[in-house]
Amino acid sequence: MEIELLDHLPVQDRVTRLRRSGIKGADFRSIMVEIGMFMGYEFAKTLKKRQLMLKLHLQ
């Protein structure tokens, strides 16, 4: 299993915000969602891709 390091400045900023004392629960969840989106983006870059030719019948 390979471990991927998220070394993005925006992610580092979000983690810094999470570490602050007195963070509200809603803010914590919101920041975790943002970090999850960054993680999803990084994961999507590792997926195998292939090109498809689509024929669309427009009226």
N, C-alpha and C. Protein backbone atom coordinates (compact mmCIF):
# COMPACT_ATOMS: atom_id res chain seq x y z
N MET A 1 0.84 -1.18 0.00
CA MET A 1 0.00 0.00 0.00
C MET A 1 0.88 1.24 0.00
N GLU A 2 0.62 2.11 -0.92
CA GLU A 2 1.41 3.33 -1.05
C GLU A 2 0.70 4.48 -0.32
N ILE A 3 1.47 5.27 0.40
CA ILE A 3 0.91 6.41 1.11
C ILE A 3 1.23 7.67 0.33
N GLU A 4 0.21 8.45 0.10
CA GLU A 4 0.34 9.70 -0.66
C GLU A 4 0.36 10.86 0.32
N LEU A 5 1.30 11.75 0.17
CA LEU A 5 1.41 12.92 1.04
C LEU A 5 0.72 14.11 0.37
N LEU A 6 -0.23 14.70 1.07
CA LEU A 6 -0.90 15.90 0.55
C LEU A 6 -0.11 17.11 1.02
N ASP A 7 0.71 17.61 0.13
CA ASP A 7 1.59 18.71 0.47
C ASP A 7 1.13 19.99 -0.23
N HIS A 8 -0.15 20.30 -0.03
CA HIS A 8 -0.71 21.50 -0.64
C HIS A 8 -0.82 22.59 0.42
N LEU A 9 -0.54 23.80 0.04
CA LEU A 9 -0.66 24.92 0.97
C LEU A 9 -2.08 25.07 1.52
N PRO A 10 -3.13 24.93 0.68
CA PRO A 10 -4.49 25.04 1.24
C PRO A 10 -4.79 23.96 2.29
N VAL A 11 -4.29 22.74 2.09
CA VAL A 11 -4.51 21.67 3.06
C VAL A 11 -3.77 22.00 4.36
N GLN A 12 -2.57 22.50 4.24
CA GLN A 12 -1.82 22.88 5.44
C GLN A 12 -2.54 23.97 6.21
N ASP A 13 -3.14 24.91 5.50
CA ASP A 13 -3.91 25.97 6.14
C ASP A 13 -5.10 25.39 6.89
N ARG A 14 -5.82 24.44 6.26
CA ARG A 14 -6.99 23.84 6.91
C ARG A 14 -6.57 23.06 8.16
N VAL A 15 -5.48 22.35 8.09
CA VAL A 15 -5.00 21.59 9.26
C VAL A 15 -4.62 22.55 10.38
N THR A 16 -4.02 23.67 10.04
CA THR A 16 -3.67 24.68 11.05
C THR A 16 -4.93 25.19 11.73
N ARG A 17 -5.98 25.43 10.95
CA ARG A 17 -7.24 25.88 11.54
C ARG A 17 -7.85 24.83 12.47
N LEU A 18 -7.70 23.54 12.10
CA LEU A 18 -8.24 22.47 12.94
C LEU A 18 -7.53 22.40 14.28
N ARG A 19 -6.27 22.76 14.30
CA ARG A 19 -5.48 22.66 15.53
C ARG A 19 -5.75 23.78 16.52
N ARG A 20 -6.45 24.81 16.11
CA ARG A 20 -6.74 25.92 17.01
C ARG A 20 -7.66 25.45 18.13
N SER A 21 -7.41 25.97 19.32
CA SER A 21 -8.28 25.61 20.43
C SER A 21 -9.58 26.40 20.32
N GLY A 22 -10.65 25.81 20.78
CA GLY A 22 -11.93 26.49 20.77
C GLY A 22 -12.65 26.47 19.44
N ILE A 23 -12.26 25.60 18.52
CA ILE A 23 -12.94 25.53 17.22
C ILE A 23 -14.34 24.93 17.42
N LYS A 24 -15.31 25.51 16.77
CA LYS A 24 -16.69 25.03 16.89
C LYS A 24 -16.86 23.76 16.07
N GLY A 25 -17.81 22.94 16.49
CA GLY A 25 -18.07 21.67 15.81
C GLY A 25 -18.41 21.84 14.35
N ALA A 26 -19.24 22.82 14.04
CA ALA A 26 -19.65 23.06 12.65
C ALA A 26 -18.45 23.47 11.80
N ASP A 27 -17.57 24.30 12.36
CA ASP A 27 -16.36 24.71 11.63
C ASP A 27 -15.44 23.52 11.40
N PHE A 28 -15.32 22.66 12.42
CA PHE A 28 -14.48 21.47 12.29
C PHE A 28 -14.99 20.59 11.15
N ARG A 29 -16.30 20.34 11.13
CA ARG A 29 -16.86 19.49 10.07
C ARG A 29 -16.69 20.12 8.70
N SER A 30 -16.88 21.42 8.60
CA SER A 30 -16.73 22.12 7.32
C SER A 30 -15.29 22.00 6.80
N ILE A 31 -14.33 22.17 7.68
CA ILE A 31 -12.93 22.08 7.27
C ILE A 31 -12.59 20.65 6.88
N MET A 32 -13.13 19.67 7.60
CA MET A 32 -12.87 18.27 7.25
C MET A 32 -13.45 17.94 5.87
N VAL A 33 -14.60 18.52 5.54
CA VAL A 33 -15.18 18.31 4.21
C VAL A 33 -14.25 18.89 3.15
N GLU A 34 -13.71 20.08 3.40
CA GLU A 34 -12.78 20.70 2.44
C GLU A 34 -11.54 19.83 2.26
N ILE A 35 -10.99 19.33 3.34
CA ILE A 35 -9.81 18.45 3.24
C ILE A 35 -10.17 17.18 2.47
N GLY A 36 -11.36 16.66 2.71
CA GLY A 36 -11.83 15.48 1.98
C GLY A 36 -11.91 15.72 0.48
N MET A 37 -12.32 16.93 0.09
CA MET A 37 -12.37 17.26 -1.34
C MET A 37 -10.97 17.27 -1.96
N PHE A 38 -10.01 17.83 -1.23
CA PHE A 38 -8.63 17.80 -1.72
C PHE A 38 -8.13 16.36 -1.85
N MET A 39 -8.47 15.54 -0.87
CA MET A 39 -8.05 14.14 -0.92
C MET A 39 -8.69 13.41 -2.10
N GLY A 40 -9.97 13.69 -2.34
CA GLY A 40 -10.66 13.09 -3.48
C GLY A 40 -10.03 13.50 -4.80
N TYR A 41 -9.64 14.76 -4.92
CA TYR A 41 -8.99 15.24 -6.13
C TYR A 41 -7.67 14.51 -6.35
N GLU A 42 -6.88 14.37 -5.28
CA GLU A 42 -5.59 13.68 -5.40
C GLU A 42 -5.80 12.21 -5.74
N PHE A 43 -6.82 11.59 -5.16
CA PHE A 43 -7.10 10.19 -5.46
C PHE A 43 -7.51 10.03 -6.92
N ALA A 44 -8.33 10.94 -7.42
CA ALA A 44 -8.81 10.86 -8.79
C ALA A 44 -7.66 10.93 -9.80
N LYS A 45 -6.58 11.61 -9.45
CA LYS A 45 -5.44 11.70 -10.36
C LYS A 45 -4.74 10.35 -10.52
N THR A 46 -4.94 9.43 -9.58
CA THR A 46 -4.27 8.13 -9.65
C THR A 46 -5.09 7.09 -10.42
N LEU A 47 -6.34 7.41 -10.75
CA LEU A 47 -7.20 6.46 -11.44
C LEU A 47 -6.76 6.28 -12.89
N LYS A 48 -6.95 5.07 -13.39
CA LYS A 48 -6.64 4.81 -14.80
C LYS A 48 -7.68 5.51 -15.66
N LYS A 49 -7.22 6.06 -16.75
CA LYS A 49 -8.10 6.80 -17.64
C LYS A 49 -8.06 6.21 -19.03
N ARG A 50 -9.14 6.36 -19.74
CA ARG A 50 -9.19 5.95 -21.14
C ARG A 50 -10.09 6.91 -21.90
N GLN A 51 -9.82 7.04 -23.17
CA GLN A 51 -10.61 7.94 -23.98
C GLN A 51 -11.75 7.17 -24.64
N LEU A 52 -12.89 7.83 -24.74
CA LEU A 52 -14.06 7.26 -25.38
C LEU A 52 -14.53 8.19 -26.48
N MET A 53 -15.05 7.60 -27.54
CA MET A 53 -15.65 8.38 -28.60
C MET A 53 -17.16 8.25 -28.47
N LEU A 54 -17.84 9.35 -28.25
CA LEU A 54 -19.29 9.35 -28.08
C LEU A 54 -19.97 9.95 -29.29
N LYS A 55 -21.07 9.32 -29.66
CA LYS A 55 -21.90 9.86 -30.73
C LYS A 55 -23.18 10.34 -30.10
N LEU A 56 -23.45 11.63 -30.22
CA LEU A 56 -24.65 12.21 -29.64
C LEU A 56 -25.65 12.52 -30.74
N HIS A 57 -26.86 12.09 -30.54
CA HIS A 57 -27.93 12.37 -31.51
C HIS A 57 -28.74 13.53 -30.95
N LEU A 58 -28.44 14.71 -31.43
CA LEU A 58 -29.14 15.91 -30.98
C LEU A 58 -30.27 16.24 -31.94
N GLN A 59 -31.35 16.73 -31.41
CA GLN A 59 -32.48 17.07 -32.27
C GLN A 59 -32.59 18.55 -32.42
